[in-house]
N, C-alpha and C. Protein backbone atom coordinates (compact mmCIF):
# COMPACT_ATOMS: atom_id res chain seq x y z
N MET A 1 0.59 -1.10 -0.11
CA MET A 1 -0.24 -0.16 0.03
C MET A 1 0.75 1.71 0.08
N VAL A 2 2.24 1.20 0.53
CA VAL A 2 2.73 2.83 0.84
C VAL A 2 3.27 2.62 -0.71
N ASN A 3 3.70 1.74 -1.27
CA ASN A 3 4.05 1.93 -2.91
C ASN A 3 3.41 2.24 -3.57
N VAL A 4 2.55 1.66 -3.64
CA VAL A 4 0.88 2.56 -4.38
C VAL A 4 0.76 4.22 -3.84
N GLU A 5 0.93 4.36 -2.70
CA GLU A 5 0.24 6.03 -2.33
C GLU A 5 1.44 6.31 -2.80
N ALA A 6 2.46 6.08 -2.28
CA ALA A 6 3.24 6.80 -2.92
C ALA A 6 3.97 7.34 -4.86
N GLU A 7 3.17 6.40 -5.36
CA GLU A 7 3.24 6.44 -6.68
C GLU A 7 2.32 7.65 -7.20
N ASN A 8 1.28 7.32 -6.22
CA ASN A 8 0.31 8.10 -6.40
C ASN A 8 0.37 9.84 -5.71
N GLY A 9 1.24 9.72 -5.70
CA GLY A 9 1.55 11.74 -5.11
C GLY A 9 1.06 11.58 -3.68
N ASP A 10 1.06 10.07 -3.19
CA ASP A 10 0.24 10.34 -1.25
C ASP A 10 -0.78 10.70 -1.15
N PRO A 11 -1.90 11.06 -2.06
CA PRO A 11 -2.83 11.82 -1.64
C PRO A 11 -3.43 11.52 -0.43
N HIS A 12 -3.63 10.47 0.24
CA HIS A 12 -4.18 10.37 1.52
C HIS A 12 -3.14 10.42 2.97
N GLY A 13 -1.99 10.42 2.74
CA GLY A 13 -0.85 11.24 3.76
C GLY A 13 -0.50 9.85 4.75
N LEU A 14 -0.55 8.79 3.51
CA LEU A 14 -0.17 7.95 4.24
C LEU A 14 1.03 6.58 5.04
N VAL A 15 2.13 7.43 3.30
CA VAL A 15 3.71 6.80 2.94
C VAL A 15 4.17 7.31 4.54
N GLU A 16 4.21 7.87 4.80
CA GLU A 16 5.12 8.57 6.51
C GLU A 16 4.62 7.02 7.37
N ALA A 17 3.60 6.79 7.44
CA ALA A 17 2.97 6.04 8.74
C ALA A 17 3.37 4.62 8.26
N GLY A 18 3.27 4.77 6.96
CA GLY A 18 3.60 2.90 6.60
C GLY A 18 5.09 2.49 6.49
N VAL A 19 5.63 4.21 6.57
CA VAL A 19 7.20 3.68 6.01
C VAL A 19 8.11 3.37 8.00
N GLN A 20 7.19 3.77 8.84
CA GLN A 20 8.10 4.30 9.84
C GLN A 20 7.17 2.61 10.12
N ILE A 21 6.20 2.44 10.40
CA ILE A 21 5.84 1.03 10.58
C ILE A 21 6.62 -0.62 9.39
N LEU A 22 7.25 0.18 8.40
CA LEU A 22 8.19 -0.78 7.61
C LEU A 22 9.45 -0.70 8.79
N ARG A 23 9.83 0.38 9.08
CA ARG A 23 11.40 0.38 9.52
C ARG A 23 10.96 -0.46 11.34
N GLU A 24 9.69 0.42 11.72
CA GLU A 24 9.92 -0.58 13.43
C GLU A 24 9.70 -1.53 13.15
N GLY A 25 9.25 -2.37 11.81
CA GLY A 25 9.20 -4.33 12.53
C GLY A 25 10.96 -4.68 11.42
N TRP A 26 11.63 -3.68 10.57
CA TRP A 26 13.69 -4.18 10.91
C TRP A 26 13.28 -3.83 12.06
N ARG A 27 13.68 -2.76 12.56
CA ARG A 27 14.36 -2.94 13.75
C ARG A 27 14.20 -3.73 14.94
N GLN A 28 12.70 -4.09 14.74
CA GLN A 28 12.34 -5.41 15.71
C GLN A 28 12.45 -6.76 15.19
N THR A 29 12.57 -6.96 14.07
CA THR A 29 13.44 -8.27 13.29
C THR A 29 14.62 -8.54 12.61
N SER A 30 15.60 -7.23 13.38
CA SER A 30 17.07 -7.52 12.72
C SER A 30 17.75 -8.91 13.66
N GLY A 31 18.41 -8.84 12.65
CA GLY A 31 18.73 -10.35 12.93
C GLY A 31 18.14 -11.77 13.35
N TRP A 32 17.66 -11.08 13.00
CA TRP A 32 16.11 -12.88 13.22
C TRP A 32 16.54 -14.53 12.59
N THR A 33 16.88 -14.29 12.09
CA THR A 33 17.34 -15.35 11.71
C THR A 33 19.25 -15.20 10.74
N PRO A 34 19.80 -15.08 11.15
CA PRO A 34 21.49 -14.22 10.35
C PRO A 34 21.84 -15.80 10.27
N GLU A 35 21.82 -16.52 11.31
CA GLU A 35 22.49 -17.80 10.52
C GLU A 35 22.21 -18.39 9.16
N THR A 36 20.89 -18.02 8.89
CA THR A 36 20.65 -18.83 7.39
C THR A 36 20.55 -17.98 6.47
N THR A 37 21.45 -18.70 5.61
CA THR A 37 22.07 -18.16 4.60
C THR A 37 20.84 -17.99 3.54
N GLY A 38 20.67 -17.00 3.27
CA GLY A 38 19.88 -16.00 2.18
C GLY A 38 18.42 -15.34 2.86
N SER A 39 18.71 -15.30 4.27
CA SER A 39 17.49 -14.97 5.02
C SER A 39 17.02 -13.34 4.93
N THR A 40 18.45 -12.95 4.89
CA THR A 40 17.92 -11.70 4.54
C THR A 40 17.65 -11.22 6.18
N ASP A 41 18.07 -12.02 6.78
CA ASP A 41 17.87 -11.59 8.20
C ASP A 41 15.93 -11.33 8.38
N TRP A 42 15.18 -12.61 7.92
CA TRP A 42 13.99 -12.34 7.84
C TRP A 42 13.49 -13.52 7.94
N PRO A 43 12.40 -13.41 9.43
CA PRO A 43 12.58 -14.66 9.37
C PRO A 43 11.66 -15.91 8.17
N HIS A 44 11.78 -16.89 8.79
CA HIS A 44 10.88 -17.68 7.06
C HIS A 44 10.06 -17.67 7.48
N ASP A 45 9.15 -18.68 6.58
CA ASP A 45 7.32 -18.51 6.75
C ASP A 45 6.69 -18.71 8.27
N ASP A 46 7.35 -20.16 8.15
CA ASP A 46 6.66 -20.31 9.50
C ASP A 46 7.12 -21.04 10.46
N GLN A 47 7.60 -19.19 10.98
CA GLN A 47 8.11 -18.72 11.94
C GLN A 47 7.36 -17.46 12.64
N GLU A 48 7.04 -18.07 13.28
CA GLU A 48 5.87 -16.45 13.71
C GLU A 48 6.81 -15.81 14.63
N VAL A 49 6.61 -14.33 13.85
CA VAL A 49 6.70 -13.14 15.08
C VAL A 49 6.15 -12.05 15.56
N THR A 50 7.00 -11.48 16.67
CA THR A 50 6.30 -10.69 16.82
C THR A 50 6.83 -9.68 16.84
N VAL A 51 5.59 -8.54 16.82
CA VAL A 51 6.42 -7.28 16.69
C VAL A 51 4.88 -6.33 16.90
N SER A 52 6.10 -5.18 17.92
CA SER A 52 5.09 -4.50 18.58
C SER A 52 4.68 -3.20 18.07
N LEU A 53 3.42 -2.44 17.72
CA LEU A 53 2.94 -1.01 17.28
C LEU A 53 2.36 -0.29 18.08
N ASN A 54 2.08 0.59 17.97
CA ASN A 54 0.65 0.93 18.60
C ASN A 54 -0.35 1.15 17.80
N GLY A 55 -1.45 1.18 18.73
CA GLY A 55 -2.99 1.19 17.95
C GLY A 55 -3.04 1.41 16.96
N ALA A 56 -2.70 2.84 16.48
CA ALA A 56 -2.76 3.30 14.64
C ALA A 56 -1.50 2.71 14.13
N GLN A 57 -0.59 2.15 14.33
CA GLN A 57 -0.34 1.52 13.40
C GLN A 57 -0.71 0.21 13.22
N TRP A 58 -1.36 -0.96 13.95
CA TRP A 58 -2.12 -1.74 13.94
C TRP A 58 -3.43 -1.30 12.93
N THR A 59 -3.82 -0.53 13.11
CA THR A 59 -5.11 -0.48 12.39
C THR A 59 -4.65 0.19 10.96
N TYR A 60 -3.66 0.81 10.47
CA TYR A 60 -2.76 0.72 8.84
C TYR A 60 -2.88 -0.34 8.75
N VAL A 61 -2.45 -1.43 9.41
CA VAL A 61 -1.60 -2.95 8.82
C VAL A 61 -2.70 -3.58 8.22
N ILE A 62 -4.24 -3.20 9.36
CA ILE A 62 -5.12 -4.01 9.31
C ILE A 62 -5.52 -3.54 8.00
N SER A 63 -5.62 -2.52 7.11
CA SER A 63 -6.32 -1.54 6.92
C SER A 63 -5.36 -2.16 5.26
N CYS A 64 -4.31 -2.27 5.10
CA CYS A 64 -3.21 -3.30 4.48
C CYS A 64 -3.79 -4.47 4.03
N LEU A 65 -3.87 -5.08 5.16
CA LEU A 65 -4.09 -6.70 5.10
C LEU A 65 -6.22 -6.68 3.96
N ASP A 66 -6.91 -5.78 4.65
CA ASP A 66 -8.43 -5.46 4.25
C ASP A 66 -8.28 -5.15 2.41
N ARG A 67 -7.96 -4.72 2.11
CA ARG A 67 -6.99 -3.65 0.70
C ARG A 67 -7.23 -5.00 -0.38
N TRP A 68 -5.90 -5.41 0.85
CA TRP A 68 -5.24 -6.47 -0.27
C TRP A 68 -5.99 -7.82 -0.71
N GLY A 69 -6.34 -8.72 0.30
CA GLY A 69 -7.25 -9.22 0.28
C GLY A 69 -8.43 -8.99 -0.43
N ASN A 70 -8.90 -7.91 -0.81
CA ASN A 70 -9.83 -8.17 -1.49
C ASN A 70 -9.77 -7.30 -3.00
N VAL A 71 -8.47 -6.78 -3.39
CA VAL A 71 -7.71 -6.86 -4.10
C VAL A 71 -7.50 -8.98 -4.92
N GLU A 72 -6.63 -9.37 -4.67
CA GLU A 72 -6.86 -10.31 -4.23
C GLU A 72 -8.29 -11.37 -4.86
N ARG A 73 -9.08 -11.17 -3.88
CA ARG A 73 -10.16 -12.13 -4.60
C ARG A 73 -11.03 -11.22 -5.40
N SER A 74 -10.72 -9.99 -6.08
CA SER A 74 -11.42 -9.72 -6.95
C SER A 74 -10.53 -10.24 -8.21
N LEU A 75 -9.12 -10.40 -7.56
CA LEU A 75 -8.75 -11.34 -8.91
C LEU A 75 -8.63 -12.54 -9.47
N GLY A 76 -9.49 -13.34 -8.53
CA GLY A 76 -9.49 -14.70 -7.91
C GLY A 76 -8.45 -15.36 -7.68
N LYS A 77 -7.63 -14.90 -6.74
CA LYS A 77 -5.97 -15.28 -6.28
C LYS A 77 -7.06 -16.38 -4.92
N ASN A 78 -5.90 -17.74 -4.99
CA ASN A 78 -5.56 -17.85 -4.17
C ASN A 78 -5.32 -17.30 -1.87
N THR A 79 -5.24 -16.33 -2.45
CA THR A 79 -3.91 -15.21 -1.68
C THR A 79 -4.88 -15.25 -0.96
N ALA A 80 -5.33 -14.99 -1.54
CA ALA A 80 -7.11 -13.67 -0.64
C ALA A 80 -7.34 -14.25 0.84
N THR A 81 -7.51 -15.33 0.45
CA THR A 81 -8.19 -16.30 1.90
C THR A 81 -6.96 -16.44 2.94
N GLU A 82 -5.84 -16.76 2.20
CA GLU A 82 -4.77 -16.41 3.79
C GLU A 82 -4.30 -14.80 4.06
N LEU A 83 -4.40 -13.81 3.63
CA LEU A 83 -4.47 -12.52 4.04
C LEU A 83 -5.77 -12.12 4.93
N LEU A 84 -6.82 -12.20 4.19
CA LEU A 84 -7.75 -12.42 4.99
C LEU A 84 -7.96 -12.74 5.91
N LEU A 85 -7.48 -13.87 6.58
CA LEU A 85 -7.47 -14.49 7.81
C LEU A 85 -6.14 -13.70 8.73
N ILE A 86 -5.11 -13.79 7.73
CA ILE A 86 -3.88 -13.22 8.90
C ILE A 86 -5.10 -11.37 9.10
N ARG A 87 -5.09 -11.13 8.92
CA ARG A 87 -6.03 -10.16 8.59
C ARG A 87 -6.93 -10.37 10.14
N ASP A 88 -8.01 -11.07 10.04
CA ASP A 88 -8.40 -11.63 11.32
C ASP A 88 -7.63 -12.29 12.58
N LEU A 89 -6.53 -12.21 11.81
CA LEU A 89 -5.84 -13.08 13.18
C LEU A 89 -5.36 -11.64 13.97
N VAL A 90 -4.89 -10.66 13.20
CA VAL A 90 -4.08 -9.20 13.68
C VAL A 90 -4.94 -8.22 14.06
N ILE A 91 -6.34 -8.55 14.05
CA ILE A 91 -7.42 -7.98 14.79
C ILE A 91 -7.29 -8.53 15.66
N SER A 92 -7.54 -9.75 15.99
CA SER A 92 -8.03 -10.67 17.60
C SER A 92 -7.08 -10.34 18.45
N GLN A 93 -5.87 -10.13 17.46
CA GLN A 93 -4.51 -10.32 18.55
C GLN A 93 -3.72 -8.75 19.38
N ALA A 94 -4.30 -7.65 18.60
CA ALA A 94 -3.96 -6.41 18.06
C ALA A 94 -5.19 -6.09 19.84
N GLU A 95 -6.20 -6.36 19.24
CA GLU A 95 -7.14 -5.97 20.45
C GLU A 95 -7.17 -6.60 22.10
N ALA A 96 -6.63 -7.60 21.93
CA ALA A 96 -6.36 -8.14 23.13
C ALA A 96 -5.97 -7.60 23.73
N CYS A 97 -4.29 -6.81 23.45
CA CYS A 97 -3.09 -6.02 23.23
C CYS A 97 -3.11 -4.21 23.65
N LEU A 98 -4.61 -4.26 22.66
CA LEU A 98 -4.50 -2.81 22.96
C LEU A 98 -5.99 -2.92 22.90
N PRO A 99 -6.56 -3.07 23.60
CA PRO A 99 -8.21 -2.50 23.92
C PRO A 99 -8.77 -1.05 23.88
N GLY A 100 -9.63 -0.67 23.20
CA GLY A 100 -10.26 -0.18 22.78
C GLY A 100 -9.20 1.11 21.86
N GLN A 101 -8.22 0.40 21.28
CA GLN A 101 -6.89 1.19 20.70
C GLN A 101 -7.07 0.94 19.07
N LEU A 102 -8.29 0.36 18.41
CA LEU A 102 -8.08 0.11 17.54
C LEU A 102 -9.30 0.71 16.58
């Protein structure tokens, strides 16, 4: 979503928030799997990662998952279901950790 917003001139003012979330995620996961060749410090798909964000940042993440899940669904892609399930998981966990902040 950040790339799309940036390419469109950031009409909704979302680029800076998206960049902050990316940087925070990178900061919190740096060095996660340095022993794995080619991991570029990112966890494997089957590894769970916990990233701490504030309510506004999680709301942004949820909106991105919702938007791209719906785009994928409109294109008939199988990944739509996965993105929307991830969105639902993020919502439930963020609400549990940050009640009333989403």
